[in-house]
Amino acid sequence: MYVRCPDEYHLCVSNCQDGYRTDRDTCRNVNHECAESCRDAFEVCVGAPLTEFGMCKAECQAVLEQGKQSCRTSYGRGTRELDQCIDEAQRLAFTCRDQCRETAAPALNQCREEFRACNQACAAE
């Protein structure tokens, strides 16, 4: 179904997701309202760590772009030195992004554990 209005499209997607979640909770013998509150709590929980993760990755990208620009200024186009310099900038950016993931992981894992525990409690109701 093609919907021109983005608001209508998002409402349609939201309704489909709600229906899916309701059906899934019913199949798993989980109280739907309780499960919804768990999902809401999870979204709140991951909000700050994901925001920090995104900002950290953006900083890594900015450093990469600066490094690449510095390489282009320092070395001639098509030279081996330019390739090596850019490779090193990319390696540093990868390491930076990896550190961002490692920094965010404990908080995100804690949110997942809390979500699982919450969902299990909903099944017990």
PDB file of N, CA and C in Angstrom:
ATOM      1  N   MET A   1       0.841  -1.175   0.000  1.00  0.00           N
ATOM      2  CA  MET A   1       0.000   0.000   0.000  1.00  0.00           C
ATOM      3  C   MET A   1       0.885   1.238   0.000  1.00  0.00           C
ATOM      4  N   TYR A   2       0.664   2.120  -0.929  1.00  0.00           N
ATOM      5  CA  TYR A   2       1.446   3.355  -1.038  1.00  0.00           C
ATOM      6  C   TYR A   2       0.685   4.485  -0.358  1.00  0.00           C
ATOM      7  N   VAL A   3       1.338   5.111   0.584  1.00  0.00           N
ATOM      8  CA  VAL A   3       0.731   6.223   1.310  1.00  0.00           C
ATOM      9  C   VAL A   3       1.580   7.463   1.078  1.00  0.00           C
ATOM     10  N   ARG A   4       0.983   8.523   0.618  1.00  0.00           N
ATOM     11  CA  ARG A   4       1.735   9.740   0.306  1.00  0.00           C
ATOM     12  C   ARG A   4       2.143  10.515   1.552  1.00  0.00           C
ATOM     13  N   CYS A   5       1.311  10.532   2.533  1.00  0.00           N
ATOM     14  CA  CYS A   5       1.568  11.340   3.721  1.00  0.00           C
ATOM     15  C   CYS A   5       2.461  10.558   4.684  1.00  0.00           C
ATOM     16  N   PRO A   6       3.642  11.108   5.023  1.00  0.00           N
ATOM     17  CA  PRO A   6       4.532  10.383   5.936  1.00  0.00           C
ATOM     18  C   PRO A   6       3.892  10.092   7.285  1.00  0.00           C
ATOM     19  N   ASP A   7       3.058  10.990   7.785  1.00  0.00           N
ATOM     20  CA  ASP A   7       2.406  10.751   9.069  1.00  0.00           C
ATOM     21  C   ASP A   7       1.485   9.538   8.995  1.00  0.00           C
ATOM     22  N   GLU A   8       0.761   9.406   7.903  1.00  0.00           N
ATOM     23  CA  GLU A   8      -0.119   8.260   7.727  1.00  0.00           C
ATOM     24  C   GLU A   8       0.698   6.976   7.619  1.00  0.00           C
ATOM     25  N   TYR A   9       1.807   7.049   6.921  1.00  0.00           N
ATOM     26  CA  TYR A   9       2.676   5.886   6.773  1.00  0.00           C
ATOM     27  C   TYR A   9       3.194   5.433   8.137  1.00  0.00           C
ATOM     28  N   HIS A  10       3.693   6.384   8.928  1.00  0.00           N
ATOM     29  CA  HIS A  10       4.228   6.048  10.246  1.00  0.00           C
ATOM     30  C   HIS A  10       3.133   5.494  11.159  1.00  0.00           C
ATOM     31  N   LEU A  11       1.935   6.025  11.048  1.00  0.00           N
ATOM     32  CA  LEU A  11       0.817   5.513  11.828  1.00  0.00           C
ATOM     33  C   LEU A  11       0.502   4.080  11.409  1.00  0.00           C
ATOM     34  N   CYS A  12       0.525   3.821  10.116  1.00  0.00           N
ATOM     35  CA  CYS A  12       0.259   2.478   9.603  1.00  0.00           C
ATOM     36  C   CYS A  12       1.315   1.493  10.117  1.00  0.00           C
ATOM     37  N   VAL A  13       2.583   1.873  10.040  1.00  0.00           N
ATOM     38  CA  VAL A  13       3.667   1.018  10.529  1.00  0.00           C
ATOM     39  C   VAL A  13       3.499   0.761  12.022  1.00  0.00           C
ATOM     40  N   SER A  14       3.197   1.814  12.755  1.00  0.00           N
ATOM     41  CA  SER A  14       3.010   1.692  14.203  1.00  0.00           C
ATOM     42  C   SER A  14       1.873   0.728  14.530  1.00  0.00           C
ATOM     43  N   ASN A  15       0.774   0.837  13.805  1.00  0.00           N
ATOM     44  CA  ASN A  15      -0.367  -0.055  14.037  1.00  0.00           C
ATOM     45  C   ASN A  15      -0.002  -1.506  13.734  1.00  0.00           C
ATOM     46  N   CYS A  16       0.762  -1.716  12.669  1.00  0.00           N
ATOM     47  CA  CYS A  16       1.193  -3.074  12.323  1.00  0.00           C
ATOM     48  C   CYS A  16       2.113  -3.634  13.407  1.00  0.00           C
ATOM     49  N   GLN A  17       3.028  -2.821  13.889  1.00  0.00           N
ATOM     50  CA  GLN A  17       3.937  -3.267  14.947  1.00  0.00           C
ATOM     51  C   GLN A  17       3.161  -3.582  16.216  1.00  0.00           C
ATOM     52  N   ASP A  18       2.195  -2.749  16.552  1.00  0.00           N
ATOM     53  CA  ASP A  18       1.388  -2.995  17.752  1.00  0.00           C
ATOM     54  C   ASP A  18       0.631  -4.315  17.635  1.00  0.00           C
ATOM     55  N   GLY A  19       0.057  -4.548  16.476  1.00  0.00           N
ATOM     56  CA  GLY A  19      -0.660  -5.809  16.258  1.00  0.00           C
ATOM     57  C   GLY A  19       0.258  -7.010  16.358  1.00  0.00           C
ATOM     58  N   TYR A  20       1.431  -6.889  15.777  1.00  0.00           N
ATOM     59  CA  TYR A  20       2.418  -7.969  15.832  1.00  0.00           C
ATOM     60  C   TYR A  20       2.822  -8.242  17.281  1.00  0.00           C
ATOM     61  N   ARG A  21       3.107  -7.181  18.017  1.00  0.00           N
ATOM     62  CA  ARG A  21       3.529  -7.354  19.422  1.00  0.00           C
ATOM     63  C   ARG A  21       2.417  -7.982  20.257  1.00  0.00           C
ATOM     64  N   THR A  22       1.206  -7.553  20.037  1.00  0.00           N
ATOM     65  CA  THR A  22       0.078  -8.129  20.769  1.00  0.00           C
ATOM     66  C   THR A  22      -0.030  -9.619  20.481  1.00  0.00           C
ATOM     67  N   ASP A  23       0.027  -9.977  19.203  1.00  0.00           N
ATOM     68  CA  ASP A  23      -0.058 -11.390  18.814  1.00  0.00           C
ATOM     69  C   ASP A  23       1.109 -12.195  19.382  1.00  0.00           C
ATOM     70  N   ARG A  24       2.304 -11.635  19.329  1.00  0.00           N
ATOM     71  CA  ARG A  24       3.488 -12.334  19.834  1.00  0.00           C
ATOM     72  C   ARG A  24       3.367 -12.555  21.340  1.00  0.00           C
ATOM     73  N   ASP A  25       2.950 -11.531  22.063  1.00  0.00           N
ATOM     74  CA  ASP A  25       2.794 -11.663  23.507  1.00  0.00           C
ATOM     75  C   ASP A  25       1.746 -12.727  23.843  1.00  0.00           C
ATOM     76  N   THR A  26       0.647 -12.738  23.091  1.00  0.00           N
ATOM     77  CA  THR A  26      -0.408 -13.721  23.316  1.00  0.00           C
ATOM     78  C   THR A  26       0.115 -15.134  23.090  1.00  0.00           C
ATOM     79  N   CYS A  27       0.870 -15.341  22.005  1.00  0.00           N
ATOM     80  CA  CYS A  27       1.436 -16.664  21.707  1.00  0.00           C
ATOM     81  C   CYS A  27       2.406 -17.122  22.789  1.00  0.00           C
ATOM     82  N   ARG A  28       3.102 -16.198  23.395  1.00  0.00           N
ATOM     83  CA  ARG A  28       4.082 -16.534  24.434  1.00  0.00           C
ATOM     84  C   ARG A  28       3.473 -16.542  25.837  1.00  0.00           C
ATOM     85  N   ASN A  29       2.165 -16.352  25.909  1.00  0.00           N
ATOM     86  CA  ASN A  29       1.476 -16.291  27.204  1.00  0.00           C
ATOM     87  C   ASN A  29       2.064 -15.222  28.108  1.00  0.00           C
ATOM     88  N   VAL A  30       2.273 -14.057  27.529  1.00  0.00           N
ATOM     89  CA  VAL A  30       2.817 -12.914  28.252  1.00  0.00           C
ATOM     90  C   VAL A  30       1.747 -11.830  28.304  1.00  0.00           C
ATOM     91  N   ASN A  31       1.582 -11.230  29.468  1.00  0.00           N
ATOM     92  CA  ASN A  31       0.638 -10.125  29.616  1.00  0.00           C
ATOM     93  C   ASN A  31       1.100  -8.972  28.724  1.00  0.00           C
ATOM     94  N   HIS A  32       0.259  -8.598  27.777  1.00  0.00           N
ATOM     95  CA  HIS A  32       0.654  -7.603  26.772  1.00  0.00           C
ATOM     96  C   HIS A  32       0.958  -6.238  27.382  1.00  0.00           C
ATOM     97  N   GLU A  33       0.118  -5.764  28.292  1.00  0.00           N
ATOM     98  CA  GLU A  33       0.345  -4.440  28.889  1.00  0.00           C
ATOM     99  C   GLU A  33       1.658  -4.421  29.664  1.00  0.00           C
ATOM    100  N   CYS A  34       1.922  -5.505  30.377  1.00  0.00           N
ATOM    101  CA  CYS A  34       3.175  -5.616  31.123  1.00  0.00           C
ATOM    102  C   CYS A  34       4.368  -5.612  30.167  1.00  0.00           C
ATOM    103  N   ALA A  35       4.266  -6.385  29.082  1.00  0.00           N
ATOM    104  CA  ALA A  35       5.349  -6.451  28.094  1.00  0.00           C
ATOM    105  C   ALA A  35       5.578  -5.091  27.438  1.00  0.00           C
ATOM    106  N   GLU A  36       4.489  -4.365  27.189  1.00  0.00           N
ATOM    107  CA  GLU A  36       4.629  -3.029  26.612  1.00  0.00           C
ATOM    108  C   GLU A  36       5.378  -2.106  27.563  1.00  0.00           C
ATOM    109  N   SER A  37       5.076  -2.216  28.850  1.00  0.00           N
ATOM    110  CA  SER A  37       5.791  -1.366  29.809  1.00  0.00           C
ATOM    111  C   SER A  37       7.266  -1.752  29.855  1.00  0.00           C
ATOM    112  N   CYS A  38       7.580  -3.032  29.682  1.00  0.00           N
ATOM    113  CA  CYS A  38       8.981  -3.470  29.612  1.00  0.00           C
ATOM    114  C   CYS A  38       9.662  -2.874  28.389  1.00  0.00           C
ATOM    115  N   ARG A  39       8.973  -2.905  27.252  1.00  0.00           N
ATOM    116  CA  ARG A  39       9.550  -2.344  26.020  1.00  0.00           C
ATOM    117  C   ARG A  39       9.771  -0.840  26.167  1.00  0.00           C
ATOM    118  N   ASP A  40       8.816  -0.158  26.788  1.00  0.00           N
ATOM    119  CA  ASP A  40       8.973   1.286  27.012  1.00  0.00           C
ATOM    120  C   ASP A  40      10.158   1.571  27.909  1.00  0.00           C
ATOM    121  N   ALA A  41      10.293   0.796  28.978  1.00  0.00           N
ATOM    122  CA  ALA A  41      11.419   0.974  29.903  1.00  0.00           C
ATOM    123  C   ALA A  41      12.744   0.707  29.195  1.00  0.00           C
ATOM    124  N   PHE A  42      12.749  -0.286  28.314  1.00  0.00           N
ATOM    125  CA  PHE A  42      13.966  -0.604  27.556  1.00  0.00           C
ATOM    126  C   PHE A  42      14.359   0.565  26.663  1.00  0.00           C
ATOM    127  N   GLU A  43      13.387   1.142  25.967  1.00  0.00           N
ATOM    128  CA  GLU A  43      13.671   2.277  25.085  1.00  0.00           C
ATOM    129  C   GLU A  43      14.254   3.447  25.864  1.00  0.00           C
ATOM    130  N   VAL A  44      13.721   3.694  27.051  1.00  0.00           N
ATOM    131  CA  VAL A  44      14.245   4.770  27.896  1.00  0.00           C
ATOM    132  C   VAL A  44      15.663   4.425  28.347  1.00  0.00           C
ATOM    133  N   CYS A  45      15.850   3.174  28.738  1.00  0.00           N
ATOM    134  CA  CYS A  45      17.147   2.727  29.251  1.00  0.00           C
ATOM    135  C   CYS A  45      18.263   2.877  28.207  1.00  0.00           C
ATOM    136  N   VAL A  46      17.983   2.484  26.970  1.00  0.00           N
ATOM    137  CA  VAL A  46      19.036   2.520  25.944  1.00  0.00           C
ATOM    138  C   VAL A  46      19.219   3.914  25.336  1.00  0.00           C
ATOM    139  N   GLY A  47      18.329   4.824  25.636  1.00  0.00           N
ATOM    140  CA  GLY A  47      18.390   6.155  25.031  1.00  0.00           C
ATOM    141  C   GLY A  47      19.715   6.862  25.243  1.00  0.00           C
ATOM    142  N   ALA A  48      20.127   7.002  26.483  1.00  0.00           N
ATOM    143  CA  ALA A  48      21.374   7.721  26.786  1.00  0.00           C
ATOM    144  C   ALA A  48      22.606   6.997  26.246  1.00  0.00           C
ATOM    145  N   PRO A  49      22.748   5.671  26.463  1.00  0.00           N
ATOM    146  CA  PRO A  49      23.929   4.999  25.918  1.00  0.00           C
ATOM    147  C   PRO A  49      24.012   5.076  24.386  1.00  0.00           C
ATOM    148  N   LEU A  50      22.871   4.965  23.717  1.00  0.00           N
ATOM    149  CA  LEU A  50      22.894   5.045  22.250  1.00  0.00           C
ATOM    150  C   LEU A  50      23.219   6.454  21.771  1.00  0.00           C
ATOM    151  N   THR A  51      22.745   7.462  22.499  1.00  0.00           N
ATOM    152  CA  THR A  51      23.080   8.840  22.151  1.00  0.00           C
ATOM    153  C   THR A  51      24.577   9.077  22.306  1.00  0.00           C
ATOM    154  N   GLU A  52      25.121   8.630  23.427  1.00  0.00           N
ATOM    155  CA  GLU A  52      26.561   8.777  23.662  1.00  0.00           C
ATOM    156  C   GLU A  52      27.367   8.010  22.623  1.00  0.00           C
ATOM    157  N   PHE A  53      26.899   6.819  22.270  1.00  0.00           N
ATOM    158  CA  PHE A  53      27.564   6.010  21.253  1.00  0.00           C
ATOM    159  C   PHE A  53      27.573   6.740  19.914  1.00  0.00           C
ATOM    160  N   GLY A  54      26.448   7.319  19.553  1.00  0.00           N
ATOM    161  CA  GLY A  54      26.366   8.063  18.291  1.00  0.00           C
ATOM    162  C   GLY A  54      27.279   9.274  18.277  1.00  0.00           C
ATOM    163  N   MET A  55      27.348   9.993  19.396  1.00  0.00           N
ATOM    164  CA  MET A  55      28.231  11.163  19.471  1.00  0.00           C
ATOM    165  C   MET A  55      29.694  10.724  19.398  1.00  0.00           C
ATOM    166  N   CYS A  56      30.012   9.633  20.052  1.00  0.00           N
ATOM    167  CA  CYS A  56      31.379   9.117  20.027  1.00  0.00           C
ATOM    168  C   CYS A  56      31.781   8.739  18.592  1.00  0.00           C
ATOM    169  N   LYS A  57      30.891   8.029  17.899  1.00  0.00           N
ATOM    170  CA  LYS A  57      31.183   7.645  16.512  1.00  0.00           C
ATOM    171  C   LYS A  57      31.320   8.868  15.616  1.00  0.00           C
ATOM    172  N   ALA A  58      30.522   9.896  15.863  1.00  0.00           N
ATOM    173  CA  ALA A  58      30.616  11.123  15.067  1.00  0.00           C
ATOM    174  C   ALA A  58      31.976  11.785  15.271  1.00  0.00           C
ATOM    175  N   GLU A  59      32.470  11.755  16.502  1.00  0.00           N
ATOM    176  CA  GLU A  59      33.801  12.302  16.771  1.00  0.00           C
ATOM    177  C   GLU A  59      34.867  11.500  16.027  1.00  0.00           C
ATOM    178  N   CYS A  60      34.732  10.192  16.020  1.00  0.00           N
ATOM    179  CA  CYS A  60      35.674   9.339  15.286  1.00  0.00           C
ATOM    180  C   CYS A  60      35.660   9.683  13.795  1.00  0.00           C
ATOM    181  N   GLN A  61      34.461   9.895  13.259  1.00  0.00           N
ATOM    182  CA  GLN A  61      34.332  10.237  11.837  1.00  0.00           C
ATOM    183  C   GLN A  61      34.970  11.582  11.542  1.00  0.00           C
ATOM    184  N   ALA A  62      34.794  12.539  12.442  1.00  0.00           N
ATOM    185  CA  ALA A  62      35.400  13.860  12.248  1.00  0.00           C
ATOM    186  C   ALA A  62      36.921  13.764  12.257  1.00  0.00           C
ATOM    187  N   VAL A  63      37.462  12.959  13.169  1.00  0.00           N
ATOM    188  CA  VAL A  63      38.920  12.764  13.218  1.00  0.00           C
ATOM    189  C   VAL A  63      39.394  12.085  11.932  1.00  0.00           C
ATOM    190  N   LEU A  64      38.632  11.129  11.432  1.00  0.00           N
ATOM    191  CA  LEU A  64      38.986  10.462  10.176  1.00  0.00           C
ATOM    192  C   LEU A  64      39.026  11.467   9.025  1.00  0.00           C
ATOM    193  N   GLU A  65      37.995  12.287   8.934  1.00  0.00           N
ATOM    194  CA  GLU A  65      37.953  13.267   7.839  1.00  0.00           C
ATOM    195  C   GLU A  65      39.117  14.253   7.932  1.00  0.00           C
ATOM    196  N   GLN A  66      39.440  14.688   9.144  1.00  0.00           N
ATOM    197  CA  GLN A  66      40.582  15.588   9.326  1.00  0.00           C
ATOM    198  C   GLN A  66      41.882  14.894   8.927  1.00  0.00           C
ATOM    199  N   GLY A  67      42.011  13.629   9.331  1.00  0.00           N
ATOM    200  CA  GLY A  67      43.211  12.863   8.988  1.00  0.00           C
ATOM    201  C   GLY A  67      43.360  12.691   7.486  1.00  0.00           C
ATOM    202  N   LYS A  68      42.275  12.378   6.819  1.00  0.00           N
ATOM    203  CA  LYS A  68      42.326  12.208   5.365  1.00  0.00           C
ATOM    204  C   LYS A  68      42.695  13.515   4.673  1.00  0.00           C
ATOM    205  N   GLN A  69      42.120  14.611   5.168  1.00  0.00           N
ATOM    206  CA  GLN A  69      42.438  15.914   4.582  1.00  0.00           C
ATOM    207  C   GLN A  69      43.908  16.248   4.790  1.00  0.00           C
ATOM    208  N   SER A  70      44.425  15.960   5.962  1.00  0.00           N
ATOM    209  CA  SER A  70      45.839  16.195   6.250  1.00  0.00           C
ATOM    210  C   SER A  70      46.725  15.362   5.325  1.00  0.00           C
ATOM    211  N   CYS A  71      46.313  14.116   5.095  1.00  0.00           N
ATOM    212  CA  CYS A  71      47.067  13.241   4.187  1.00  0.00           C
ATOM    213  C   CYS A  71      47.085  13.824   2.779  1.00  0.00           C
ATOM    214  N   ARG A  72      45.936  14.295   2.322  1.00  0.00           N
ATOM    215  CA  ARG A  72      45.850  14.846   0.960  1.00  0.00           C
ATOM    216  C   ARG A  72      46.688  16.113   0.815  1.00  0.00           C
ATOM    217  N   THR A  73      46.798  16.861   1.912  1.00  0.00           N
ATOM    218  CA  THR A  73      47.615  18.076   1.892  1.00  0.00           C
ATOM    219  C   THR A  73      49.098  17.730   1.886  1.00  0.00           C
ATOM    220  N   SER A  74      49.445  16.660   2.597  1.00  0.00           N
ATOM    221  CA  SER A  74      50.858  16.299   2.776  1.00  0.00           C
ATOM    222  C   SER A  74      51.438  15.485   1.635  1.00  0.00           C
ATOM    223  N   TYR A  75      50.613  14.715   0.955  1.00  0.00           N
ATOM    224  CA  TYR A  75      51.126  13.786  -0.068  1.00  0.00           C
ATOM    225  C   TYR A  75      50.398  13.981  -1.384  1.00  0.00           C
ATOM    226  N   GLY A  76      51.125  13.710  -2.454  1.00  0.00           N
ATOM    227  CA  GLY A  76      50.571  13.877  -3.799  1.00  0.00           C
ATOM    228  C   GLY A  76      49.542  12.819  -4.132  1.00  0.00           C
ATOM    229  N   ARG A  77      48.645  13.215  -5.015  1.00  0.00           N
ATOM    230  CA  ARG A  77      47.567  12.331  -5.449  1.00  0.00           C
ATOM    231  C   ARG A  77      48.142  11.086  -6.125  1.00  0.00           C
ATOM    232  N   GLY A  78      47.587   9.920  -5.734  1.00  0.00           N
ATOM    233  CA  GLY A  78      47.979   8.668  -6.357  1.00  0.00           C
ATOM    234  C   GLY A  78      49.293   8.097  -5.845  1.00  0.00           C
ATOM    235  N   THR A  79      49.863   8.685  -4.808  1.00  0.00           N
ATOM    236  CA  THR A  79      51.145   8.179  -4.304  1.00  0.00           C
ATOM    237  C   THR A  79      50.921   7.093  -3.259  1.00  0.00           C
ATOM    238  N   ARG A  80      51.936   6.292  -3.094  1.00  0.00           N
ATOM    239  CA  ARG A  80      51.900   5.233  -2.092  1.00  0.00           C
ATOM    240  C   ARG A  80      51.808   5.833  -0.681  1.00  0.00           C
ATOM    241  N   GLU A  81      52.495   6.932  -0.474  1.00  0.00           N
ATOM    242  CA  GLU A  81      52.480   7.583   0.836  1.00  0.00           C
ATOM    243  C   GLU A  81      51.066   8.051   1.207  1.00  0.00           C
ATOM    244  N   LEU A  82      50.347   8.584   0.215  1.00  0.00           N
ATOM    245  CA  LEU A  82      48.969   9.013   0.461  1.00  0.00           C
ATOM    246  C   LEU A  82      48.118   7.819   0.876  1.00  0.00           C
ATOM    247  N   ASP A  83      48.256   6.714   0.150  1.00  0.00           N
ATOM    248  CA  ASP A  83      47.494   5.508   0.483  1.00  0.00           C
ATOM    249  C   ASP A  83      47.812   5.030   1.899  1.00  0.00           C
ATOM    250  N   GLN A  84      49.074   5.018   2.248  1.00  0.00           N
ATOM    251  CA  GLN A  84      49.477   4.566   3.584  1.00  0.00           C
ATOM    252  C   GLN A  84      48.943   5.507   4.665  1.00  0.00           C
ATOM    253  N   CYS A  85      49.002   6.781   4.395  1.00  0.00           N
ATOM    254  CA  CYS A  85      48.522   7.773   5.354  1.00  0.00           C
ATOM    255  C   CYS A  85      47.018   7.623   5.585  1.00  0.00           C
ATOM    256  N   ILE A  86      46.271   7.462   4.503  1.00  0.00           N
ATOM    257  CA  ILE A  86      44.820   7.294   4.623  1.00  0.00           C
ATOM    258  C   ILE A  86      44.490   5.963   5.293  1.00  0.00           C
ATOM    259  N   ASP A  87      45.240   4.915   4.970  1.00  0.00           N
ATOM    260  CA  ASP A  87      45.044   3.628   5.638  1.00  0.00           C
ATOM    261  C   ASP A  87      45.216   3.769   7.145  1.00  0.00           C
ATOM    262  N   GLU A  88      46.238   4.507   7.561  1.00  0.00           N
ATOM    263  CA  GLU A  88      46.486   4.710   8.990  1.00  0.00           C
ATOM    264  C   GLU A  88      45.353   5.515   9.632  1.00  0.00           C
ATOM    265  N   ALA A  89      44.859   6.514   8.934  1.00  0.00           N
ATOM    266  CA  ALA A  89      43.737   7.305   9.452  1.00  0.00           C
ATOM    267  C   ALA A  89      42.495   6.424   9.602  1.00  0.00           C
ATOM    268  N   GLN A  90      42.280   5.535   8.650  1.00  0.00           N
ATOM    269  CA  GLN A  90      41.137   4.630   8.719  1.00  0.00           C
ATOM    270  C   GLN A  90      41.304   3.619   9.854  1.00  0.00           C
ATOM    271  N   ARG A  91      42.526   3.149  10.061  1.00  0.00           N
ATOM    272  CA  ARG A  91      42.786   2.221  11.156  1.00  0.00           C
ATOM    273  C   ARG A  91      42.494   2.896  12.501  1.00  0.00           C
ATOM    274  N   LEU A  92      42.955   4.126  12.636  1.00  0.00           N
ATOM    275  CA  LEU A  92      42.706   4.864  13.873  1.00  0.00           C
ATOM    276  C   LEU A  92      41.204   5.099  14.090  1.00  0.00           C
ATOM    277  N   ALA A  93      40.482   5.386  13.011  1.00  0.00           N
ATOM    278  CA  ALA A  93      39.037   5.603  13.115  1.00  0.00           C
ATOM    279  C   ALA A  93      38.324   4.306  13.503  1.00  0.00           C
ATOM    280  N   PHE A  94      38.773   3.189  12.950  1.00  0.00           N
ATOM    281  CA  PHE A  94      38.185   1.897  13.319  1.00  0.00           C
ATOM    282  C   PHE A  94      38.399   1.625  14.803  1.00  0.00           C
ATOM    283  N   THR A  95      39.623   1.856  15.267  1.00  0.00           N
ATOM    284  CA  THR A  95      39.947   1.656  16.678  1.00  0.00           C
ATOM    285  C   THR A  95      39.090   2.563  17.556  1.00  0.00           C
ATOM    286  N   CYS A  96      38.898   3.773  17.117  1.00  0.00           N
ATOM    287  CA  CYS A  96      38.065   4.734  17.849  1.00  0.00           C
ATOM    288  C   CYS A  96      36.624   4.235  17.937  1.00  0.00           C
ATOM    289  N   ARG A  97      36.049   3.805  16.807  1.00  0.00           N
ATOM    290  CA  ARG A  97      34.671   3.297  16.797  1.00  0.00           C
ATOM    291  C   ARG A  97      34.546   2.043  17.657  1.00  0.00           C
ATOM    292  N   ASP A  98      35.570   1.184  17.604  1.00  0.00           N
ATOM    293  CA  ASP A  98      35.572  -0.023  18.416  1.00  0.00           C
ATOM    294  C   ASP A  98      35.554   0.338  19.902  1.00  0.00           C
ATOM    295  N   GLN A  99      36.315   1.350  20.268  1.00  0.00           N
ATOM    296  CA  GLN A  99      36.317   1.803  21.659  1.00  0.00           C
ATOM    297  C   GLN A  99      34.958   2.369  22.045  1.00  0.00           C
ATOM    298  N   CYS A 100      34.318   3.063  21.128  1.00  0.00           N
ATOM    299  CA  CYS A 100      32.963   3.567  21.391  1.00  0.00           C
ATOM    300  C   CYS A 100      32.017   2.407  21.709  1.00  0.00           C
ATOM    301  N   ARG A 101      32.096   1.340  20.905  1.00  0.00           N
ATOM    302  CA  ARG A 101      31.246   0.174  21.135  1.00  0.00           C
ATOM    303  C   ARG A 101      31.538  -0.457  22.495  1.00  0.00           C
ATOM    304  N   GLU A 102      32.817  -0.603  22.807  1.00  0.00           N
ATOM    305  CA  GLU A 102      33.191  -1.208  24.085  1.00  0.00           C
ATOM    306  C   GLU A 102      32.734  -0.357  25.264  1.00  0.00           C
ATOM    307  N   THR A 103      32.748   0.943  25.105  1.00  0.00           N
ATOM    308  CA  THR A 103      32.312   1.843  26.169  1.00  0.00           C
ATOM    309  C   THR A 103      30.798   1.754  26.373  1.00  0.00           C
ATOM    310  N   ALA A 104      30.058   1.635  25.276  1.00  0.00           N
ATOM    311  CA  ALA A 104      28.593   1.592  25.353  1.00  0.00           C
ATOM    312  C   ALA A 104      28.061   0.222  25.756  1.00  0.00           C
ATOM    313  N   ALA A 105      28.814  -0.825  25.502  1.00  0.00           N
ATOM    314  CA  ALA A 105      28.324  -2.194  25.691  1.00  0.00           C
ATOM    315  C   ALA A 105      27.821  -2.494  27.102  1.00  0.00           C
ATOM    316  N   PRO A 106      28.532  -2.141  28.168  1.00  0.00           N
ATOM    317  CA  PRO A 106      28.024  -2.508  29.497  1.00  0.00           C
ATOM    318  C   PRO A 106      26.640  -1.929  29.804  1.00  0.00           C
ATOM    319  N   ALA A 107      26.426  -0.682  29.480  1.00  0.00           N
ATOM    320  CA  ALA A 107      25.117  -0.065  29.746  1.00  0.00           C
ATOM    321  C   ALA A 107      24.035  -0.713  28.888  1.00  0.00           C
ATOM    322  N   LEU A 108      24.338  -0.992  27.622  1.00  0.00           N
ATOM    323  CA  LEU A 108      23.351  -1.626  26.745  1.00  0.00           C
ATOM    324  C   LEU A 108      23.051  -3.050  27.203  1.00  0.00           C
ATOM    325  N   ASN A 109      24.079  -3.778  27.630  1.00  0.00           N
ATOM    326  CA  ASN A 109      23.862  -5.135  28.137  1.00  0.00           C
ATOM    327  C   ASN A 109      23.008  -5.117  29.397  1.00  0.00           C
ATOM    328  N   GLN A 110      23.228  -4.132  30.252  1.00  0.00           N
ATOM    329  CA  GLN A 110      22.420  -4.010  31.459  1.00  0.00           C
ATOM    330  C   GLN A 110      20.952  -3.764  31.096  1.00  0.00           C
ATOM    331  N   CYS A 111      20.727  -2.918  30.104  1.00  0.00           N
ATOM    332  CA  CYS A 111      19.351  -2.667  29.651  1.00  0.00           C
ATOM    333  C   CYS A 111      18.710  -3.949  29.130  1.00  0.00           C
ATOM    334  N   ARG A 112      19.472  -4.740  28.369  1.00  0.00           N
ATOM    335  CA  ARG A 112      18.944  -6.006  27.840  1.00  0.00           C
ATOM    336  C   ARG A 112      18.595  -6.969  28.970  1.00  0.00           C
ATOM    337  N   GLU A 113      19.471  -7.059  29.971  1.00  0.00           N
ATOM    338  CA  GLU A 113      19.214  -7.950  31.103  1.00  0.00           C
ATOM    339  C   GLU A 113      17.961  -7.518  31.854  1.00  0.00           C
ATOM    340  N   GLU A 114      17.818  -6.211  32.080  1.00  0.00           N
ATOM    341  CA  GLU A 114      16.630  -5.702  32.765  1.00  0.00           C
ATOM    342  C   GLU A 114      15.372  -5.979  31.952  1.00  0.00           C
ATOM    343  N   PHE A 115      15.477  -5.845  30.631  1.00  0.00           N
ATOM    344  CA  PHE A 115      14.333  -6.107  29.758  1.00  0.00           C
ATOM    345  C   PHE A 115      13.933  -7.581  29.829  1.00  0.00           C
ATOM    346  N   ARG A 116      14.921  -8.473  29.759  1.00  0.00           N
ATOM    347  CA  ARG A 116      14.608  -9.915  29.836  1.00  0.00           C
ATOM    348  C   ARG A 116      13.943 -10.260  31.170  1.00  0.00           C
ATOM    349  N   ALA A 117      14.492  -9.725  32.252  1.00  0.00           N
ATOM    350  CA  ALA A 117      13.915  -9.999  33.566  1.00  0.00           C
ATOM    351  C   ALA A 117      12.487  -9.470  33.646  1.00  0.00           C
ATOM    352  N   CYS A 118      12.272  -8.292  33.127  1.00  0.00           N
ATOM    353  CA  CYS A 118      10.939  -7.701  33.128  1.00  0.00           C
ATOM    354  C   CYS A 118       9.972  -8.568  32.323  1.00  0.00           C
ATOM    355  N   ASN A 119      10.393  -8.999  31.146  1.00  0.00           N
ATOM    356  CA  ASN A 119       9.546  -9.836  30.303  1.00  0.00           C
ATOM    357  C   ASN A 119       9.236 -11.168  30.963  1.00  0.00           C
ATOM    358  N   GLN A 120      10.218 -11.746  31.629  1.00  0.00           N
ATOM    359  CA  GLN A 120       9.985 -13.011  32.330  1.00  0.00           C
ATOM    360  C   GLN A 120       8.954 -12.839  33.439  1.00  0.00           C
ATOM    361  N   ALA A 121       9.013 -11.688  34.113  1.00  0.00           N
ATOM    362  CA  ALA A 121       8.032 -11.421  35.158  1.00  0.00           C
ATOM    363  C   ALA A 121       6.634 -11.269  34.557  1.00  0.00           C
ATOM    364  N   CYS A 122       6.558 -10.748  33.345  1.00  0.00           N
ATOM    365  CA  CYS A 122       5.250 -10.614  32.679  1.00  0.00           C
ATOM    366  C   CYS A 122       4.658 -11.970  32.347  1.00  0.00           C
ATOM    367  N   ALA A 123       5.501 -12.927  32.017  1.00  0.00           N
ATOM    368  CA  ALA A 123       5.032 -14.274  31.682  1.00  0.00           C
ATOM    369  C   ALA A 123       4.525 -14.982  32.934  1.00  0.00           C
ATOM    370  N   ALA A 124       5.042 -14.611  34.078  1.00  0.00           N
ATOM    371  CA  ALA A 124       4.654 -15.268  35.320  1.00  0.00           C
ATOM    372  C   ALA A 124       3.312 -14.780  35.836  1.00  0.00           C
ATOM    373  N   GLU A 125       2.865 -13.645  35.322  1.00  0.00           N
ATOM    374  CA  GLU A 125       1.590 -13.067  35.811  1.00  0.00           C
ATOM    375  C   GLU A 125       0.406 -13.907  35.400  1.00  0.00           C
TER     376      GLU A 125
END
